[in-house]
């Protein structure tokens, strides 16, 4: 690992737990190595263990790197080695135990596994990822802006920003514009009453989103 990469990894790891978005640190290992190392990784949970455990975890990564690098790309999977509170709240049913679990098995829907594997390969190649993805949360599937950051050949970070509500707002606005255009361009061919009712209904949906945002912002300001 280059000095710059090592410095970035250290700095990002230090601020990981202070980021509002869901952030997870993972290591790409082969399937067999995962089954034998998951217990070791679990004991390295940074929420629950001392700094000495972190040093042991680092030693384990170095041990695994030579064997995992020999695995075929399709045989490797991202194993969680650290995660912030936001990630646990959004993706973990019990909000605690995620260390040592397969990231893909925990949050990737069955029909998106191939896509996730392609992201993993890019991480292994030292390339970043940016995409809108569907991921399974404790509240069902939602849409996220995903950013994958390689830390070295076997490790990386994934940042997930929930954009489900923003996309829903965009869809509603698109519908309102389309209905309004239809009403203004073809008034004689349009059922004015039903079209106006549809516009009003969608406007109420937007208002509901705004009210929800105001409630959340107000709650955060009171803390």
C-alpha atoms as a PDB file:
ATOM      1  CA  UNK A   1       0.000   0.000   0.000  1.00  0.00           C
ATOM      2  CA  UNK A   2       1.362   3.449  -0.907  1.00  0.00           C
ATOM      3  CA  UNK A   3       1.991   6.045   1.798  1.00  0.00           C
ATOM      4  CA  UNK A   4      -0.835   8.254   0.491  1.00  0.00           C
ATOM      5  CA  UNK A   5      -3.294   5.345   0.452  1.00  0.00           C
ATOM      6  CA  UNK A   6      -2.282   4.269   3.944  1.00  0.00           C
ATOM      7  CA  UNK A   7      -2.707   7.838   5.225  1.00  0.00           C
ATOM      8  CA  UNK A   8      -6.143   8.107   3.599  1.00  0.00           C
ATOM      9  CA  UNK A   9      -7.242   4.772   5.077  1.00  0.00           C
ATOM     10  CA  UNK A  10      -6.158   5.845   8.543  1.00  0.00           C
ATOM     11  CA  UNK A  11      -7.851   9.235   8.331  1.00  0.00           C
ATOM     12  CA  UNK A  12     -11.099   7.919   6.857  1.00  0.00           C
ATOM     13  CA  UNK A  13     -11.254   5.152   9.451  1.00  0.00           C
ATOM     14  CA  UNK A  14     -10.972   7.760  12.187  1.00  0.00           C
ATOM     15  CA  UNK A  15     -13.920   9.830  10.900  1.00  0.00           C
ATOM     16  CA  UNK A  16     -16.097   6.909   9.783  1.00  0.00           C
ATOM     17  CA  UNK A  17     -18.187   7.016  12.949  1.00  0.00           C
ATOM     18  CA  UNK A  18     -18.785  10.762  12.642  1.00  0.00           C
ATOM     19  CA  UNK A  19     -20.418  10.628   9.186  1.00  0.00           C
ATOM     20  CA  UNK A  20     -24.203  10.932   8.998  1.00  0.00           C
ATOM     21  CA  UNK A  21     -24.556   8.663   5.953  1.00  0.00           C
ATOM     22  CA  UNK A  22     -24.326   4.894   6.302  1.00  0.00           C
ATOM     23  CA  UNK A  23     -20.659   3.884   5.993  1.00  0.00           C
ATOM     24  CA  UNK A  24     -19.120   0.435   6.113  1.00  0.00           C
ATOM     25  CA  UNK A  25     -15.546  -0.768   5.872  1.00  0.00           C
ATOM     26  CA  UNK A  26     -15.074  -4.189   4.295  1.00  0.00           C
ATOM     27  CA  UNK A  27     -12.415  -6.635   3.212  1.00  0.00           C
ATOM     28  CA  UNK A  28     -12.612  -8.855   0.150  1.00  0.00           C
ATOM     29  CA  UNK A  29     -11.903 -12.479   1.095  1.00  0.00           C
ATOM     30  CA  UNK A  30     -12.664 -15.811  -0.507  1.00  0.00           C
ATOM     31  CA  UNK A  31     -15.580 -17.899   0.735  1.00  0.00           C
ATOM     32  CA  UNK A  32     -13.506 -20.502   2.591  1.00  0.00           C
ATOM     33  CA  UNK A  33     -11.428 -17.859   4.319  1.00  0.00           C
ATOM     34  CA  UNK A  34     -14.598 -16.079   5.424  1.00  0.00           C
ATOM     35  CA  UNK A  35     -15.911 -19.152   7.230  1.00  0.00           C
ATOM     36  CA  UNK A  36     -12.657 -19.571   9.135  1.00  0.00           C
ATOM     37  CA  UNK A  37     -12.040 -15.904   9.916  1.00  0.00           C
ATOM     38  CA  UNK A  38     -15.490 -14.535  10.747  1.00  0.00           C
ATOM     39  CA  UNK A  39     -15.083 -15.224  14.454  1.00  0.00           C
ATOM     40  CA  UNK A  40     -11.764 -13.412  14.501  1.00  0.00           C
ATOM     41  CA  UNK A  41     -13.264 -10.456  12.703  1.00  0.00           C
ATOM     42  CA  UNK A  42     -16.269 -10.374  15.049  1.00  0.00           C
ATOM     43  CA  UNK A  43     -13.970 -10.032  18.027  1.00  0.00           C
ATOM     44  CA  UNK A  44     -12.433  -6.991  16.350  1.00  0.00           C
ATOM     45  CA  UNK A  45     -15.641  -4.911  16.426  1.00  0.00           C
ATOM     46  CA  UNK A  46     -14.474  -1.381  17.098  1.00  0.00           C
ATOM     47  CA  UNK A  47     -17.608  -0.582  19.011  1.00  0.00           C
ATOM     48  CA  UNK A  48     -16.959  -3.243  21.565  1.00  0.00           C
ATOM     49  CA  UNK A  49     -13.197  -3.921  21.716  1.00  0.00           C
ATOM     50  CA  UNK A  50     -10.048  -2.050  22.716  1.00  0.00           C
ATOM     51  CA  UNK A  51      -7.301  -0.692  20.463  1.00  0.00           C
ATOM     52  CA  UNK A  52      -5.306  -3.885  20.992  1.00  0.00           C
ATOM     53  CA  UNK A  53      -8.064  -5.795  19.192  1.00  0.00           C
ATOM     54  CA  UNK A  54      -7.755  -3.371  16.275  1.00  0.00           C
ATOM     55  CA  UNK A  55      -4.057  -4.191  16.005  1.00  0.00           C
ATOM     56  CA  UNK A  56      -4.854  -7.903  16.016  1.00  0.00           C
ATOM     57  CA  UNK A  57      -7.461  -7.310  13.314  1.00  0.00           C
ATOM     58  CA  UNK A  58      -4.843  -5.530  11.193  1.00  0.00           C
ATOM     59  CA  UNK A  59      -2.505  -8.524  11.571  1.00  0.00           C
ATOM     60  CA  UNK A  60      -5.325 -10.846  10.487  1.00  0.00           C
ATOM     61  CA  UNK A  61      -5.887  -8.766   7.348  1.00  0.00           C
ATOM     62  CA  UNK A  62      -2.218  -9.082   6.394  1.00  0.00           C
ATOM     63  CA  UNK A  63      -2.367 -12.850   6.931  1.00  0.00           C
ATOM     64  CA  UNK A  64      -5.450 -13.185   4.751  1.00  0.00           C
ATOM     65  CA  UNK A  65      -4.307 -10.904   1.943  1.00  0.00           C
ATOM     66  CA  UNK A  66      -1.984 -13.446   0.310  1.00  0.00           C
ATOM     67  CA  UNK A  67      -4.570 -16.238   0.257  1.00  0.00           C
ATOM     68  CA  UNK A  68      -7.540 -14.045  -0.682  1.00  0.00           C
ATOM     69  CA  UNK A  69      -5.625 -12.468  -3.573  1.00  0.00           C
ATOM     70  CA  UNK A  70      -5.272 -15.915  -5.128  1.00  0.00           C
ATOM     71  CA  UNK A  71      -9.020 -16.480  -5.139  1.00  0.00           C
ATOM     72  CA  UNK A  72     -10.996 -15.957  -8.303  1.00  0.00           C
ATOM     73  CA  UNK A  73     -12.789 -12.579  -8.332  1.00  0.00           C
ATOM     74  CA  UNK A  74     -16.202 -14.257  -8.421  1.00  0.00           C
ATOM     75  CA  UNK A  75     -15.298 -16.309  -5.320  1.00  0.00           C
ATOM     76  CA  UNK A  76     -14.489 -13.284  -3.174  1.00  0.00           C
ATOM     77  CA  UNK A  77     -16.985 -11.431  -1.070  1.00  0.00           C
ATOM     78  CA  UNK A  78     -16.867  -8.249   0.998  1.00  0.00           C
ATOM     79  CA  UNK A  79     -16.785  -8.989   4.712  1.00  0.00           C
ATOM     80  CA  UNK A  80     -17.676  -6.192   7.106  1.00  0.00           C
ATOM     81  CA  UNK A  81     -14.850  -5.158   9.431  1.00  0.00           C
ATOM     82  CA  UNK A  82     -16.376  -1.899  10.692  1.00  0.00           C
ATOM     83  CA  UNK A  83     -19.632   0.056  10.349  1.00  0.00           C
ATOM     84  CA  UNK A  84     -20.971   3.291  11.763  1.00  0.00           C
ATOM     85  CA  UNK A  85     -24.222   3.753  13.685  1.00  0.00           C
ATOM     86  CA  UNK A  86     -26.134   4.931  10.613  1.00  0.00           C
ATOM     87  CA  UNK A  87     -25.284   1.741   8.723  1.00  0.00           C
ATOM     88  CA  UNK A  88     -26.362  -0.447  11.625  1.00  0.00           C
ATOM     89  CA  UNK A  89     -29.607   1.459  12.121  1.00  0.00           C
ATOM     90  CA  UNK A  90     -30.558   1.210   8.442  1.00  0.00           C
ATOM     91  CA  UNK A  91     -29.392  -2.283   7.517  1.00  0.00           C
ATOM     92  CA  UNK A  92     -29.048  -4.407  10.651  1.00  0.00           C
ATOM     93  CA  UNK A  93     -32.246  -5.834  12.221  1.00  0.00           C
ATOM     94  CA  UNK A  94     -30.703  -5.892  15.703  1.00  0.00           C
ATOM     95  CA  UNK A  95     -28.641  -2.715  15.053  1.00  0.00           C
ATOM     96  CA  UNK A  96     -25.537  -4.308  16.569  1.00  0.00           C
ATOM     97  CA  UNK A  97     -24.030  -7.439  15.095  1.00  0.00           C
ATOM     98  CA  UNK A  98     -22.670  -6.757  11.617  1.00  0.00           C
ATOM     99  CA  UNK A  99     -18.939  -7.316  12.013  1.00  0.00           C
ATOM    100  CA  UNK A 100     -17.843 -10.472  10.216  1.00  0.00           C
ATOM    101  CA  UNK A 101     -20.987 -10.690   8.062  1.00  0.00           C
ATOM    102  CA  UNK A 102     -21.003 -10.690   4.270  1.00  0.00           C
ATOM    103  CA  UNK A 103     -21.963  -7.188   3.124  1.00  0.00           C
ATOM    104  CA  UNK A 104     -23.661  -8.531  -0.004  1.00  0.00           C
ATOM    105  CA  UNK A 105     -25.667 -11.147   1.874  1.00  0.00           C
ATOM    106  CA  UNK A 106     -26.792  -8.567   4.426  1.00  0.00           C
ATOM    107  CA  UNK A 107     -27.987  -5.735   2.166  1.00  0.00           C
ATOM    108  CA  UNK A 108     -27.992  -6.740  -1.530  1.00  0.00           C
ATOM    109  CA  UNK A 109     -31.291  -8.073  -2.971  1.00  0.00           C
ATOM    110  CA  UNK A 110     -31.091 -11.470  -4.653  1.00  0.00           C
ATOM    111  CA  UNK A 111     -31.581 -10.030  -8.129  1.00  0.00           C
ATOM    112  CA  UNK A 112     -28.765  -7.488  -7.612  1.00  0.00           C
ATOM    113  CA  UNK A 113     -26.006  -9.889  -6.563  1.00  0.00           C
ATOM    114  CA  UNK A 114     -24.313  -9.890  -9.973  1.00  0.00           C
ATOM    115  CA  UNK A 115     -24.212  -6.094  -9.973  1.00  0.00           C
ATOM    116  CA  UNK A 116     -22.662  -6.115  -6.479  1.00  0.00           C
ATOM    117  CA  UNK A 117     -20.026  -8.625  -7.605  1.00  0.00           C
ATOM    118  CA  UNK A 118     -19.033  -6.269 -10.420  1.00  0.00           C
ATOM    119  CA  UNK A 119     -18.613  -3.459  -7.897  1.00  0.00           C
ATOM    120  CA  UNK A 120     -16.452  -5.749  -5.764  1.00  0.00           C
ATOM    121  CA  UNK A 121     -14.234  -6.516  -8.746  1.00  0.00           C
ATOM    122  CA  UNK A 122     -13.720  -2.820  -9.408  1.00  0.00           C
ATOM    123  CA  UNK A 123     -12.780  -2.329  -5.760  1.00  0.00           C
ATOM    124  CA  UNK A 124     -10.301  -5.185  -6.013  1.00  0.00           C
ATOM    125  CA  UNK A 125      -8.810  -3.494  -9.083  1.00  0.00           C
ATOM    126  CA  UNK A 126      -8.374  -0.268  -7.132  1.00  0.00           C
ATOM    127  CA  UNK A 127     -11.205   1.583  -8.894  1.00  0.00           C
ATOM    128  CA  UNK A 128     -13.976   3.581  -7.254  1.00  0.00           C
ATOM    129  CA  UNK A 129     -17.715   3.065  -7.755  1.00  0.00           C
ATOM    130  CA  UNK A 130     -20.584   5.539  -7.989  1.00  0.00           C
ATOM    131  CA  UNK A 131     -24.126   4.376  -8.757  1.00  0.00           C
ATOM    132  CA  UNK A 132     -27.769   4.446  -7.734  1.00  0.00           C
ATOM    133  CA  UNK A 133     -28.526   1.044  -6.219  1.00  0.00           C
ATOM    134  CA  UNK A 134     -31.380  -0.824  -4.581  1.00  0.00           C
ATOM    135  CA  UNK A 135     -30.520  -2.218  -1.161  1.00  0.00           C
ATOM    136  CA  UNK A 136     -32.462  -4.147   1.482  1.00  0.00           C
ATOM    137  CA  UNK A 137     -33.020  -2.221   4.720  1.00  0.00           C
ATOM    138  CA  UNK A 138     -34.934  -2.950   7.894  1.00  0.00           C
ATOM    139  CA  UNK A 139     -37.869  -1.141   6.205  1.00  0.00           C
ATOM    140  CA  UNK A 140     -37.662  -3.012   2.905  1.00  0.00           C
ATOM    141  CA  UNK A 141     -35.857  -2.137  -0.316  1.00  0.00           C
ATOM    142  CA  UNK A 142     -34.824   1.487  -0.785  1.00  0.00           C
ATOM    143  CA  UNK A 143     -32.745   3.426  -3.305  1.00  0.00           C
ATOM    144  CA  UNK A 144     -29.289   4.704  -2.365  1.00  0.00           C
ATOM    145  CA  UNK A 145     -26.542   6.749  -3.899  1.00  0.00           C
ATOM    146  CA  UNK A 146     -23.644   4.340  -3.464  1.00  0.00           C
ATOM    147  CA  UNK A 147     -20.002   5.371  -3.458  1.00  0.00           C
ATOM    148  CA  UNK A 148     -17.310   2.720  -3.205  1.00  0.00           C
ATOM    149  CA  UNK A 149     -13.790   3.744  -2.236  1.00  0.00           C
ATOM    150  CA  UNK A 150     -10.894   1.272  -2.546  1.00  0.00           C
ATOM    151  CA  UNK A 151      -8.414   1.436   0.309  1.00  0.00           C
ATOM    152  CA  UNK A 152      -5.990  -1.136  -1.060  1.00  0.00           C
ATOM    153  CA  UNK A 153      -6.201  -4.334  -3.124  1.00  0.00           C
ATOM    154  CA  UNK A 154      -8.392  -6.157  -0.597  1.00  0.00           C
ATOM    155  CA  UNK A 155     -10.135  -3.478   1.430  1.00  0.00           C
ATOM    156  CA  UNK A 156     -12.562  -0.670   0.785  1.00  0.00           C
ATOM    157  CA  UNK A 157     -15.296   1.602   2.078  1.00  0.00           C
ATOM    158  CA  UNK A 158     -18.910   1.884   0.944  1.00  0.00           C
ATOM    159  CA  UNK A 159     -21.020   4.974   1.594  1.00  0.00           C
ATOM    160  CA  UNK A 160     -24.802   4.800   1.210  1.00  0.00           C
ATOM    161  CA  UNK A 161     -27.021   7.896   1.003  1.00  0.00           C
ATOM    162  CA  UNK A 162     -30.754   7.176   1.008  1.00  0.00           C
ATOM    163  CA  UNK A 163     -32.311   9.037  -1.948  1.00  0.00           C
ATOM    164  CA  UNK A 164     -35.640   7.183  -2.034  1.00  0.00           C
ATOM    165  CA  UNK A 165     -37.718  10.177  -0.947  1.00  0.00           C
ATOM    166  CA  UNK A 166     -35.920  12.577  -3.285  1.00  0.00           C
ATOM    167  CA  UNK A 167     -36.593  10.309  -6.257  1.00  0.00           C
ATOM    168  CA  UNK A 168     -40.239   9.972  -5.243  1.00  0.00           C
ATOM    169  CA  UNK A 169     -40.526  13.770  -5.108  1.00  0.00           C
ATOM    170  CA  UNK A 170     -38.977  13.989  -8.546  1.00  0.00           C
ATOM    171  CA  UNK A 171     -41.467  11.463  -9.913  1.00  0.00           C
ATOM    172  CA  UNK A 172     -44.390  13.400  -8.422  1.00  0.00           C
ATOM    173  CA  UNK A 173     -43.142  16.695  -9.851  1.00  0.00           C
ATOM    174  CA  UNK A 174     -42.741  15.057 -13.258  1.00  0.00           C
ATOM    175  CA  UNK A 175     -46.333  13.838 -13.097  1.00  0.00           C
ATOM    176  CA  UNK A 176     -47.600  17.294 -12.074  1.00  0.00           C
ATOM    177  CA  UNK A 177     -45.755  18.924 -14.968  1.00  0.00           C
ATOM    178  CA  UNK A 178     -47.080  16.359 -17.433  1.00  0.00           C
ATOM    179  CA  UNK A 179     -50.674  16.786 -16.217  1.00  0.00           C
ATOM    180  CA  UNK A 180     -50.404  20.573 -16.259  1.00  0.00           C
ATOM    181  CA  UNK A 181     -48.965  20.517 -19.772  1.00  0.00           C
ATOM    182  CA  UNK A 182     -51.758  18.262 -20.964  1.00  0.00           C
ATOM    183  CA  UNK A 183     -54.344  20.573 -19.418  1.00  0.00           C
ATOM    184  CA  UNK A 184     -52.880  23.740 -20.926  1.00  0.00           C
ATOM    185  CA  UNK A 185     -52.034  22.343 -24.365  1.00  0.00           C
ATOM    186  CA  UNK A 186     -55.185  20.286 -24.941  1.00  0.00           C
ATOM    187  CA  UNK A 187     -57.960  21.766 -22.763  1.00  0.00           C
ATOM    188  CA  UNK A 188     -60.724  20.673 -25.073  1.00  0.00           C
ATOM    189  CA  UNK A 189     -59.532  17.073 -25.153  1.00  0.00           C
ATOM    190  CA  UNK A 190     -58.791  16.832 -21.437  1.00  0.00           C
ATOM    191  CA  UNK A 191     -61.128  16.028 -18.586  1.00  0.00           C
ATOM    192  CA  UNK A 192     -60.440  19.218 -16.679  1.00  0.00           C
ATOM    193  CA  UNK A 193     -62.051  18.126 -13.436  1.00  0.00           C
ATOM    194  CA  UNK A 194     -60.256  14.783 -13.131  1.00  0.00           C
ATOM    195  CA  UNK A 195     -56.919  16.247 -14.272  1.00  0.00           C
ATOM    196  CA  UNK A 196     -57.167  19.083 -11.745  1.00  0.00           C
ATOM    197  CA  UNK A 197     -58.018  16.555  -9.030  1.00  0.00           C
ATOM    198  CA  UNK A 198     -54.979  14.475  -9.961  1.00  0.00           C
ATOM    199  CA  UNK A 199     -52.730  17.543  -9.801  1.00  0.00           C
ATOM    200  CA  UNK A 200     -54.150  18.460  -6.383  1.00  0.00           C
ATOM    201  CA  UNK A 201     -53.589  14.932  -5.091  1.00  0.00           C
ATOM    202  CA  UNK A 202     -49.945  14.952  -6.149  1.00  0.00           C
ATOM    203  CA  UNK A 203     -49.451  18.391  -4.691  1.00  0.00           C
ATOM    204  CA  UNK A 204     -50.708  17.055  -1.367  1.00  0.00           C
ATOM    205  CA  UNK A 205     -48.146  14.255  -1.596  1.00  0.00           C
ATOM    206  CA  UNK A 206     -45.386  16.834  -2.021  1.00  0.00           C
ATOM    207  CA  UNK A 207     -46.731  18.766   0.959  1.00  0.00           C
ATOM    208  CA  UNK A 208     -46.636  15.581   3.029  1.00  0.00           C
ATOM    209  CA  UNK A 209     -42.949  15.122   2.142  1.00  0.00           C
ATOM    210  CA  UNK A 210     -42.236  18.729   3.151  1.00  0.00           C
ATOM    211  CA  UNK A 211     -44.076  18.323   6.445  1.00  0.00           C
ATOM    212  CA  UNK A 212     -42.083  15.186   7.191  1.00  0.00           C
ATOM    213  CA  UNK A 213     -38.791  16.929   6.437  1.00  0.00           C
ATOM    214  CA  UNK A 214     -39.768  19.827   8.682  1.00  0.00           C
ATOM    215  CA  UNK A 215     -40.616  17.445  11.508  1.00  0.00           C
ATOM    216  CA  UNK A 216     -37.268  15.663  11.201  1.00  0.00           C
ATOM    217  CA  UNK A 217     -35.285  18.906  11.001  1.00  0.00           C
ATOM    218  CA  UNK A 218     -37.148  20.311  13.985  1.00  0.00           C
ATOM    219  CA  UNK A 219     -36.444  17.201  16.013  1.00  0.00           C
ATOM    220  CA  UNK A 220     -32.734  17.389  15.248  1.00  0.00           C
ATOM    221  CA  UNK A 221     -32.610  21.049  16.213  1.00  0.00           C
ATOM    222  CA  UNK A 222     -34.145  20.323  19.624  1.00  0.00           C
ATOM    223  CA  UNK A 223     -31.457  17.891  20.560  1.00  0.00           C
END
